[in-house]
PDB file of N, CA and C in Angstrom:
ATOM      1  N   MET A   1      91.566 152.582 125.047  1.00  0.00           N
ATOM      2  CA  MET A   1      92.831 152.243 125.689  1.00  0.00           C
ATOM      3  C   MET A   1      93.556 153.540 126.075  1.00  0.00           C
ATOM      4  N   LYS A   2      94.122 153.555 127.244  1.00  0.00           N
ATOM      5  CA  LYS A   2      94.842 154.734 127.710  1.00  0.00           C
ATOM      6  C   LYS A   2      96.116 154.937 126.911  1.00  0.00           C
ATOM      7  N   LYS A   3      96.515 156.207 126.805  1.00  0.00           N
ATOM      8  CA  LYS A   3      97.704 156.564 126.028  1.00  0.00           C
ATOM      9  C   LYS A   3      98.956 155.875 126.571  1.00  0.00           C
ATOM     10  N   SER A   4      99.129 155.844 127.882  1.00  0.00           N
ATOM     11  CA  SER A   4     100.325 155.232 128.464  1.00  0.00           C
ATOM     12  C   SER A   4     100.387 153.736 128.162  1.00  0.00           C
ATOM     13  N   LYS A   5      99.239 153.084 128.089  1.00  0.00           N
ATOM     14  CA  LYS A   5      99.192 151.665 127.773  1.00  0.00           C
ATOM     15  C   LYS A   5      99.626 151.435 126.319  1.00  0.00           C
ATOM     16  N   LYS A   6      99.186 152.318 125.408  1.00  0.00           N
ATOM     17  CA  LYS A   6      99.581 152.220 124.004  1.00  0.00           C
ATOM     18  C   LYS A   6     101.088 152.399 123.855  1.00  0.00           C
ATOM     19  N   ILE A   7     101.649 153.356 124.559  1.00  0.00           N
ATOM     20  CA  ILE A   7     103.090 153.617 124.498  1.00  0.00           C
ATOM     21  C   ILE A   7     103.856 152.406 125.010  1.00  0.00           C
ATOM     22  N   LYS A   8     103.404 151.810 126.110  1.00  0.00           N
ATOM     23  CA  LYS A   8     104.068 150.625 126.659  1.00  0.00           C
ATOM     24  C   LYS A   8     104.019 149.467 125.676  1.00  0.00           C
ATOM     25  N   GLN A   9     102.863 149.272 125.022  1.00  0.00           N
ATOM     26  CA  GLN A   9     102.738 148.194 124.048  1.00  0.00           C
ATOM     27  C   GLN A   9     103.661 148.424 122.863  1.00  0.00           C
ATOM     28  N   LYS A  10     103.737 149.671 122.399  1.00  0.00           N
ATOM     29  CA  LYS A  10     104.575 149.990 121.248  1.00  0.00           C
ATOM     30  C   LYS A  10     106.049 149.763 121.565  1.00  0.00           C
ATOM     31  N   THR A  11     106.503 150.156 122.741  1.00  0.00           N
ATOM     32  CA  THR A  11     107.907 149.973 123.098  1.00  0.00           C
ATOM     33  C   THR A  11     108.212 148.520 123.451  1.00  0.00           C
ATOM     34  N   ALA A  12     107.190 147.748 123.821  1.00  0.00           N
ATOM     35  CA  ALA A  12     107.402 146.344 124.168  1.00  0.00           C
ATOM     36  C   ALA A  12     107.463 145.462 122.917  1.00  0.00           C
ATOM     37  N   LEU A  13     106.931 145.922 121.791  1.00  0.00           N
ATOM     38  CA  LEU A  13     106.931 145.161 120.553  1.00  0.00           C
ATOM     39  C   LEU A  13     108.359 144.932 120.073  1.00  0.00           C
ATOM     40  N   LYS A  14     108.721 143.668 119.896  1.00  0.00           N
ATOM     41  CA  LYS A  14     110.071 143.354 119.417  1.00  0.00           C
ATOM     42  C   LYS A  14     110.122 143.476 117.900  1.00  0.00           C
ATOM     43  N   LEU A  15     111.208 144.047 117.413  1.00  0.00           N
ATOM     44  CA  LEU A  15     111.429 144.241 115.985  1.00  0.00           C
ATOM     45  C   LEU A  15     112.819 143.749 115.604  1.00  0.00           C
ATOM     46  N   HIS A  16     113.002 143.483 114.325  1.00  0.00           N
ATOM     47  CA  HIS A  16     114.314 143.167 113.772  1.00  0.00           C
ATOM     48  C   HIS A  16     114.920 144.505 113.337  1.00  0.00           C
ATOM     49  N   TRP A  17     116.051 144.893 113.930  1.00  0.00           N
ATOM     50  CA  TRP A  17     116.665 146.195 113.671  1.00  0.00           C
ATOM     51  C   TRP A  17     117.805 146.066 112.661  1.00  0.00           C
ATOM     52  N   PHE A  18     117.855 147.050 111.753  1.00  0.00           N
ATOM     53  CA  PHE A  18     118.843 147.077 110.684  1.00  0.00           C
ATOM     54  C   PHE A  18     119.465 148.465 110.582  1.00  0.00           C
ATOM     55  N   CYS A  19     120.691 148.497 110.092  1.00  0.00           N
ATOM     56  CA  CYS A  19     121.348 149.743 109.717  1.00  0.00           C
ATOM     57  C   CYS A  19     121.556 149.690 108.202  1.00  0.00           C
ATOM     58  N   PHE A  20     121.004 150.673 107.488  1.00  0.00           N
ATOM     59  CA  PHE A  20     121.165 150.797 106.040  1.00  0.00           C
ATOM     60  C   PHE A  20     122.150 151.938 105.786  1.00  0.00           C
ATOM     61  N   ALA A  21     123.213 151.685 105.039  1.00  0.00           N
ATOM     62  CA  ALA A  21     124.223 152.720 104.754  1.00  0.00           C
ATOM     63  C   ALA A  21     124.256 153.006 103.256  1.00  0.00           C
ATOM     64  N   TYR A  22     124.321 154.281 102.918  1.00  0.00           N
ATOM     65  CA  TYR A  22     124.294 154.731 101.527  1.00  0.00           C
ATOM     66  C   TYR A  22     125.445 155.685 101.239  1.00  0.00           C
ATOM     67  N   ILE A  23     125.821 155.746  99.976  1.00  0.00           N
ATOM     68  CA  ILE A  23     126.749 156.758  99.492  1.00  0.00           C
ATOM     69  C   ILE A  23     126.137 157.328  98.224  1.00  0.00           C
ATOM     70  N   GLY A  24     126.187 158.640  98.088  1.00  0.00           N
ATOM     71  CA  GLY A  24     125.585 159.278  96.917  1.00  0.00           C
ATOM     72  C   GLY A  24     125.532 160.778  97.099  1.00  0.00           C
ATOM     73  N   LYS A  25     124.409 161.352  96.693  1.00  0.00           N
ATOM     74  CA  LYS A  25     124.213 162.802  96.805  1.00  0.00           C
ATOM     75  C   LYS A  25     122.943 163.084  97.585  1.00  0.00           C
ATOM     76  N   ASP A  26     122.963 164.217  98.302  1.00  0.00           N
ATOM     77  CA  ASP A  26     121.748 164.641  98.989  1.00  0.00           C
ATOM     78  C   ASP A  26     120.896 165.464  98.026  1.00  0.00           C
ATOM     79  N   SER A  27     119.793 165.999  98.494  1.00  0.00           N
ATOM     80  CA  SER A  27     118.866 166.729  97.623  1.00  0.00           C
ATOM     81  C   SER A  27     119.475 167.999  97.021  1.00  0.00           C
ATOM     82  N   SER A  28     120.528 168.529  97.633  1.00  0.00           N
ATOM     83  CA  SER A  28     121.186 169.722  97.082  1.00  0.00           C
ATOM     84  C   SER A  28     122.276 169.364  96.082  1.00  0.00           C
ATOM     85  N   GLY A  29     122.536 168.062  95.892  1.00  0.00           N
ATOM     86  CA  GLY A  29     123.552 167.622  94.945  1.00  0.00           C
ATOM     87  C   GLY A  29     124.932 167.433  95.557  1.00  0.00           C
ATOM     88  N   THR A  30     125.054 167.604  96.862  1.00  0.00           N
ATOM     89  CA  THR A  30     126.325 167.446  97.555  1.00  0.00           C
ATOM     90  C   THR A  30     126.605 165.961  97.811  1.00  0.00           C
ATOM     91  N   GLU A  31     127.843 165.534  97.525  1.00  0.00           N
ATOM     92  CA  GLU A  31     128.246 164.153  97.810  1.00  0.00           C
ATOM     93  C   GLU A  31     128.111 163.905  99.309  1.00  0.00           C
ATOM     94  N   CYS A  32     127.587 162.728  99.658  1.00  0.00           N
ATOM     95  CA  CYS A  32     127.393 162.439 101.084  1.00  0.00           C
ATOM     96  C   CYS A  32     127.354 160.945 101.348  1.00  0.00           C
ATOM     97  N   GLN A  33     127.452 160.618 102.620  1.00  0.00           N
ATOM     98  CA  GLN A  33     127.210 159.273 103.130  1.00  0.00           C
ATOM     99  C   GLN A  33     126.090 159.421 104.146  1.00  0.00           C
ATOM    100  N   ALA A  34     125.211 158.432 104.195  1.00  0.00           N
ATOM    101  CA  ALA A  34     124.082 158.524 105.117  1.00  0.00           C
ATOM    102  C   ALA A  34     123.693 157.121 105.578  1.00  0.00           C
ATOM    103  N   CYS A  35     123.004 157.063 106.713  1.00  0.00           N
ATOM    104  CA  CYS A  35     122.487 155.777 107.171  1.00  0.00           C
ATOM    105  C   CYS A  35     121.193 155.978 107.946  1.00  0.00           C
ATOM    106  N   THR A  36     120.438 154.887 108.060  1.00  0.00           N
ATOM    107  CA  THR A  36     119.231 154.875 108.869  1.00  0.00           C
ATOM    108  C   THR A  36     119.264 153.641 109.758  1.00  0.00           C
ATOM    109  N   TYR A  37     118.616 153.750 110.889  1.00  0.00           N
ATOM    110  CA  TYR A  37     118.420 152.608 111.786  1.00  0.00           C
ATOM    111  C   TYR A  37     116.919 152.391 111.840  1.00  0.00           C
ATOM    112  N   THR A  38     116.486 151.202 111.401  1.00  0.00           N
ATOM    113  CA  THR A  38     115.059 150.950 111.264  1.00  0.00           C
ATOM    114  C   THR A  38     114.705 149.571 111.782  1.00  0.00           C
ATOM    115  N   GLY A  39     113.559 149.480 112.462  1.00  0.00           N
ATOM    116  CA  GLY A  39     113.066 148.208 112.968  1.00  0.00           C
ATOM    117  C   GLY A  39     111.868 147.725 112.165  1.00  0.00           C
ATOM    118  N   TYR A  40     111.832 146.419 111.884  1.00  0.00           N
ATOM    119  CA  TYR A  40     110.741 145.802 111.137  1.00  0.00           C
ATOM    120  C   TYR A  40     110.245 144.560 111.869  1.00  0.00           C
ATOM    121  N   PRO A  41     108.959 144.225 111.690  1.00  0.00           N
ATOM    122  CA  PRO A  41     108.444 143.012 112.315  1.00  0.00           C
ATOM    123  C   PRO A  41     108.998 141.732 111.687  1.00  0.00           C
ATOM    124  N   ARG A  42     109.410 141.798 110.424  1.00  0.00           N
ATOM    125  CA  ARG A  42     109.960 140.622 109.739  1.00  0.00           C
ATOM    126  C   ARG A  42     111.458 140.818 109.496  1.00  0.00           C
ATOM    127  N   LYS A  43     112.174 139.728 109.394  1.00  0.00           N
ATOM    128  CA  LYS A  43     113.621 139.795 109.185  1.00  0.00           C
ATOM    129  C   LYS A  43     113.991 140.018 107.717  1.00  0.00           C
ATOM    130  N   GLU A  44     113.089 139.668 106.799  1.00  0.00           N
ATOM    131  CA  GLU A  44     113.365 139.836 105.367  1.00  0.00           C
ATOM    132  C   GLU A  44     113.307 141.305 104.973  1.00  0.00           C
ATOM    133  N   ILE A  45     114.215 141.699 104.074  1.00  0.00           N
ATOM    134  CA  ILE A  45     114.269 143.072 103.560  1.00  0.00           C
ATOM    135  C   ILE A  45     113.854 143.060 102.094  1.00  0.00           C
ATOM    136  N   THR A  46     112.940 143.959 101.731  1.00  0.00           N
ATOM    137  CA  THR A  46     112.469 144.058 100.353  1.00  0.00           C
ATOM    138  C   THR A  46     112.997 145.337  99.701  1.00  0.00           C
ATOM    139  N   LEU A  47     112.882 145.410  98.376  1.00  0.00           N
ATOM    140  CA  LEU A  47     113.292 146.627  97.666  1.00  0.00           C
ATOM    141  C   LEU A  47     112.492 147.837  98.141  1.00  0.00           C
ATOM    142  N   LYS A  48     111.208 147.635  98.415  1.00  0.00           N
ATOM    143  CA  LYS A  48     110.375 148.736  98.906  1.00  0.00           C
ATOM    144  C   LYS A  48     110.937 149.313 100.207  1.00  0.00           C
ATOM    145  N   MET A  49     111.395 148.436 101.103  1.00  0.00           N
ATOM    146  CA  MET A  49     111.993 148.879 102.366  1.00  0.00           C
ATOM    147  C   MET A  49     113.281 149.651 102.108  1.00  0.00           C
ATOM    148  N   ILE A  50     114.088 149.167 101.175  1.00  0.00           N
ATOM    149  CA  ILE A  50     115.345 149.849 100.842  1.00  0.00           C
ATOM    150  C   ILE A  50     115.059 151.233 100.280  1.00  0.00           C
ATOM    151  N   TYR A  51     114.102 151.327  99.362  1.00  0.00           N
ATOM    152  CA  TYR A  51     113.763 152.631  98.772  1.00  0.00           C
ATOM    153  C   TYR A  51     113.230 153.594  99.828  1.00  0.00           C
ATOM    154  N   GLN A  52     112.406 153.097 100.755  1.00  0.00           N
ATOM    155  CA  GLN A  52     111.875 153.954 101.816  1.00  0.00           C
ATOM    156  C   GLN A  52     113.003 154.428 102.736  1.00  0.00           C
ATOM    157  N   ASN A  53     113.933 153.536 103.066  1.00  0.00           N
ATOM    158  CA  ASN A  53     115.065 153.926 103.906  1.00  0.00           C
ATOM    159  C   ASN A  53     115.966 154.920 103.202  1.00  0.00           C
ATOM    160  N   LYS A  54     116.131 154.748 101.905  1.00  0.00           N
ATOM    161  CA  LYS A  54     116.933 155.689 101.118  1.00  0.00           C
ATOM    162  C   LYS A  54     116.315 157.087 101.210  1.00  0.00           C
ATOM    163  N   LYS A  55     114.998 157.145 101.074  1.00  0.00           N
ATOM    164  CA  LYS A  55     114.279 158.423 101.193  1.00  0.00           C
ATOM    165  C   LYS A  55     114.461 159.018 102.591  1.00  0.00           C
ATOM    166  N   ASN A  56     114.311 158.171 103.617  1.00  0.00           N
ATOM    167  CA  ASN A  56     114.470 158.627 105.003  1.00  0.00           C
ATOM    168  C   ASN A  56     115.892 159.099 105.306  1.00  0.00           C
ATOM    169  N   ALA A  57     116.875 158.538 104.604  1.00  0.00           N
ATOM    170  CA  ALA A  57     118.274 158.923 104.812  1.00  0.00           C
ATOM    171  C   ALA A  57     118.582 160.275 104.180  1.00  0.00           C
ATOM    172  N   GLY A  58     117.700 160.755 103.299  1.00  0.00           N
ATOM    173  CA  GLY A  58     117.908 162.068 102.693  1.00  0.00           C
ATOM    174  C   GLY A  58     118.832 162.062 101.486  1.00  0.00           C
ATOM    175  N   VAL A  59     118.987 160.896 100.867  1.00  0.00           N
ATOM    176  CA  VAL A  59     119.826 160.810  99.668  1.00  0.00           C
ATOM    177  C   VAL A  59     118.940 160.656  98.439  1.00  0.00           C
ATOM    178  N   THR A  60     119.504 160.896  97.269  1.00  0.00           N
ATOM    179  CA  THR A  60     118.742 160.791  96.028  1.00  0.00           C
ATOM    180  C   THR A  60     118.490 159.326  95.673  1.00  0.00           C
ATOM    181  N   LYS A  61     117.614 159.114  94.703  1.00  0.00           N
ATOM    182  CA  LYS A  61     117.287 157.752  94.258  1.00  0.00           C
ATOM    183  C   LYS A  61     118.499 157.037  93.674  1.00  0.00           C
ATOM    184  N   LYS A  62     119.476 157.799  93.173  1.00  0.00           N
ATOM    185  CA  LYS A  62     120.663 157.203  92.561  1.00  0.00           C
ATOM    186  C   LYS A  62     121.737 156.818  93.574  1.00  0.00           C
ATOM    187  N   ALA A  63     121.525 157.133  94.840  1.00  0.00           N
ATOM    188  CA  ALA A  63     122.498 156.748  95.870  1.00  0.00           C
ATOM    189  C   ALA A  63     122.628 155.229  95.905  1.00  0.00           C
ATOM    190  N   VAL A  64     123.809 154.756  96.261  1.00  0.00           N
ATOM    191  CA  VAL A  64     124.103 153.329  96.272  1.00  0.00           C
ATOM    192  C   VAL A  64     124.040 152.797  97.703  1.00  0.00           C
ATOM    193  N   LEU A  65     123.329 151.704  97.860  1.00  0.00           N
ATOM    194  CA  LEU A  65     123.286 151.008  99.143  1.00  0.00           C
ATOM    195  C   LEU A  65     124.599 150.240  99.282  1.00  0.00           C
ATOM    196  N   ILE A  66     125.408 150.601 100.274  1.00  0.00           N
ATOM    197  CA  ILE A  66     126.710 149.940 100.422  1.00  0.00           C
ATOM    198  C   ILE A  66     126.726 148.895 101.536  1.00  0.00           C
ATOM    199  N   SER A  67     125.713 148.936 102.417  1.00  0.00           N
ATOM    200  CA  SER A  67     125.710 147.974 103.512  1.00  0.00           C
ATOM    201  C   SER A  67     124.336 147.905 104.161  1.00  0.00           C
ATOM    202  N   VAL A  68     123.951 146.684 104.530  1.00  0.00           N
ATOM    203  CA  VAL A  68     122.798 146.461 105.403  1.00  0.00           C
ATOM    204  C   VAL A  68     123.305 145.581 106.530  1.00  0.00           C
ATOM    205  N   SER A  69     123.223 146.082 107.728  1.00  0.00           N
ATOM    206  CA  SER A  69     123.688 145.321 108.896  1.00  0.00           C
ATOM    207  C   SER A  69     122.494 144.950 109.769  1.00  0.00           C
ATOM    208  N   TYR A  70     122.426 143.682 110.142  1.00  0.00           N
ATOM    209  CA  TYR A  70     121.388 143.220 111.061  1.00  0.00           C
ATOM    210  C   TYR A  70     121.876 143.467 112.481  1.00  0.00           C
ATOM    211  N   LEU A  71     121.081 144.180 113.265  1.00  0.00           N
ATOM    212  CA  LEU A  71     121.494 144.573 114.609  1.00  0.00           C
ATOM    213  C   LEU A  71     120.862 143.751 115.717  1.00  0.00           C
ATOM    214  N   GLY A  72     119.828 142.980 115.386  1.00  0.00           N
ATOM    215  CA  GLY A  72     119.221 142.108 116.386  1.00  0.00           C
ATOM    216  C   GLY A  72     117.723 142.266 116.507  1.00  0.00           C
ATOM    217  N   TYR A  73     117.146 141.387 117.323  1.00  0.00           N
ATOM    218  CA  TYR A  73     115.703 141.344 117.570  1.00  0.00           C
ATOM    219  C   TYR A  73     115.461 141.841 118.980  1.00  0.00           C
ATOM    220  N   MET A  74     114.870 143.018 119.092  1.00  0.00           N
ATOM    221  CA  MET A  74     114.662 143.628 120.407  1.00  0.00           C
ATOM    222  C   MET A  74     113.580 144.688 120.325  1.00  0.00           C
ATOM    223  N   ASN A  75     113.111 145.135 121.463  1.00  0.00           N
ATOM    224  CA  ASN A  75     112.140 146.229 121.439  1.00  0.00           C
ATOM    225  C   ASN A  75     112.879 147.562 121.292  1.00  0.00           C
ATOM    226  N   ARG A  76     112.119 148.575 120.952  1.00  0.00           N
ATOM    227  CA  ARG A  76     112.704 149.901 120.698  1.00  0.00           C
ATOM    228  C   ARG A  76     113.454 150.436 121.915  1.00  0.00           C
ATOM    229  N   SER A  77     112.892 150.209 123.074  1.00  0.00           N
ATOM    230  CA  SER A  77     113.518 150.696 124.300  1.00  0.00           C
ATOM    231  C   SER A  77     114.918 150.113 124.480  1.00  0.00           C
ATOM    232  N   LYS A  78     115.064 148.822 124.263  1.00  0.00           N
ATOM    233  CA  LYS A  78     116.373 148.196 124.402  1.00  0.00           C
ATOM    234  C   LYS A  78     117.336 148.700 123.322  1.00  0.00           C
ATOM    235  N   PHE A  79     116.827 148.859 122.101  1.00  0.00           N
ATOM    236  CA  PHE A  79     117.668 149.333 121.008  1.00  0.00           C
ATOM    237  C   PHE A  79     118.192 150.741 121.279  1.00  0.00           C
ATOM    238  N   VAL A  80     117.334 151.605 121.732  1.00  0.00           N
ATOM    239  CA  VAL A  80     117.699 153.019 121.905  1.00  0.00           C
ATOM    240  C   VAL A  80     118.410 153.290 123.222  1.00  0.00           C
ATOM    241  N   TYR A  81     117.955 152.670 124.309  1.00  0.00           N
ATOM    242  CA  TYR A  81     118.431 153.064 125.632  1.00  0.00           C
ATOM    243  C   TYR A  81     119.310 152.072 126.359  1.00  0.00           C
ATOM    244  N   SER A  82     119.514 150.889 125.796  1.00  0.00           N
ATOM    245  CA  SER A  82     120.279 149.863 126.509  1.00  0.00           C
ATOM    246  C   SER A  82     121.730 150.289 126.704  1.00  0.00           C
ATOM    247  N   ASN A  83     122.246 150.077 127.904  1.00  0.00           N
ATOM    248  CA  ASN A  83     123.649 150.371 128.190  1.00  0.00           C
ATOM    249  C   ASN A  83     124.334 149.157 128.822  1.00  0.00           C
ATOM    250  N   GLU A  84     123.772 147.986 128.587  1.00  0.00           N
ATOM    251  CA  GLU A  84     124.303 146.783 129.238  1.00  0.00           C
ATOM    252  C   GLU A  84     125.693 146.418 128.779  1.00  0.00           C
ATOM    253  N   HIS A  85     126.154 146.923 127.633  1.00  0.00           N
ATOM    254  CA  HIS A  85     127.498 146.589 127.141  1.00  0.00           C
ATOM    255  C   HIS A  85     128.478 147.752 127.285  1.00  0.00           C
ATOM    256  N   LEU A  86     128.074 148.800 127.977  1.00  0.00           N
ATOM    257  CA  LEU A  86     128.970 149.954 128.151  1.00  0.00           C
ATOM    258  C   LEU A  86     129.881 149.764 129.332  1.00  0.00           C
TER     259      LEU A  86
END
């Protein structure tokens, strides 16, 4: 399969997008707030997903998850580049 075809398929895949927000400390011990925006094929969120997002956010394991917001079901292109509401 050609590379451009793979890229088109990947961006066309619809995912359930979430924002995970944390408060805690970063790896240097500094108090911080952090968040990640992540897309998943399923709408359910597991502890494993939360722990992985916590790691991706750059906070310690003791950071507290303060919010998970569901952002919708869409492909990556629409999530990142859409300006239909601007």
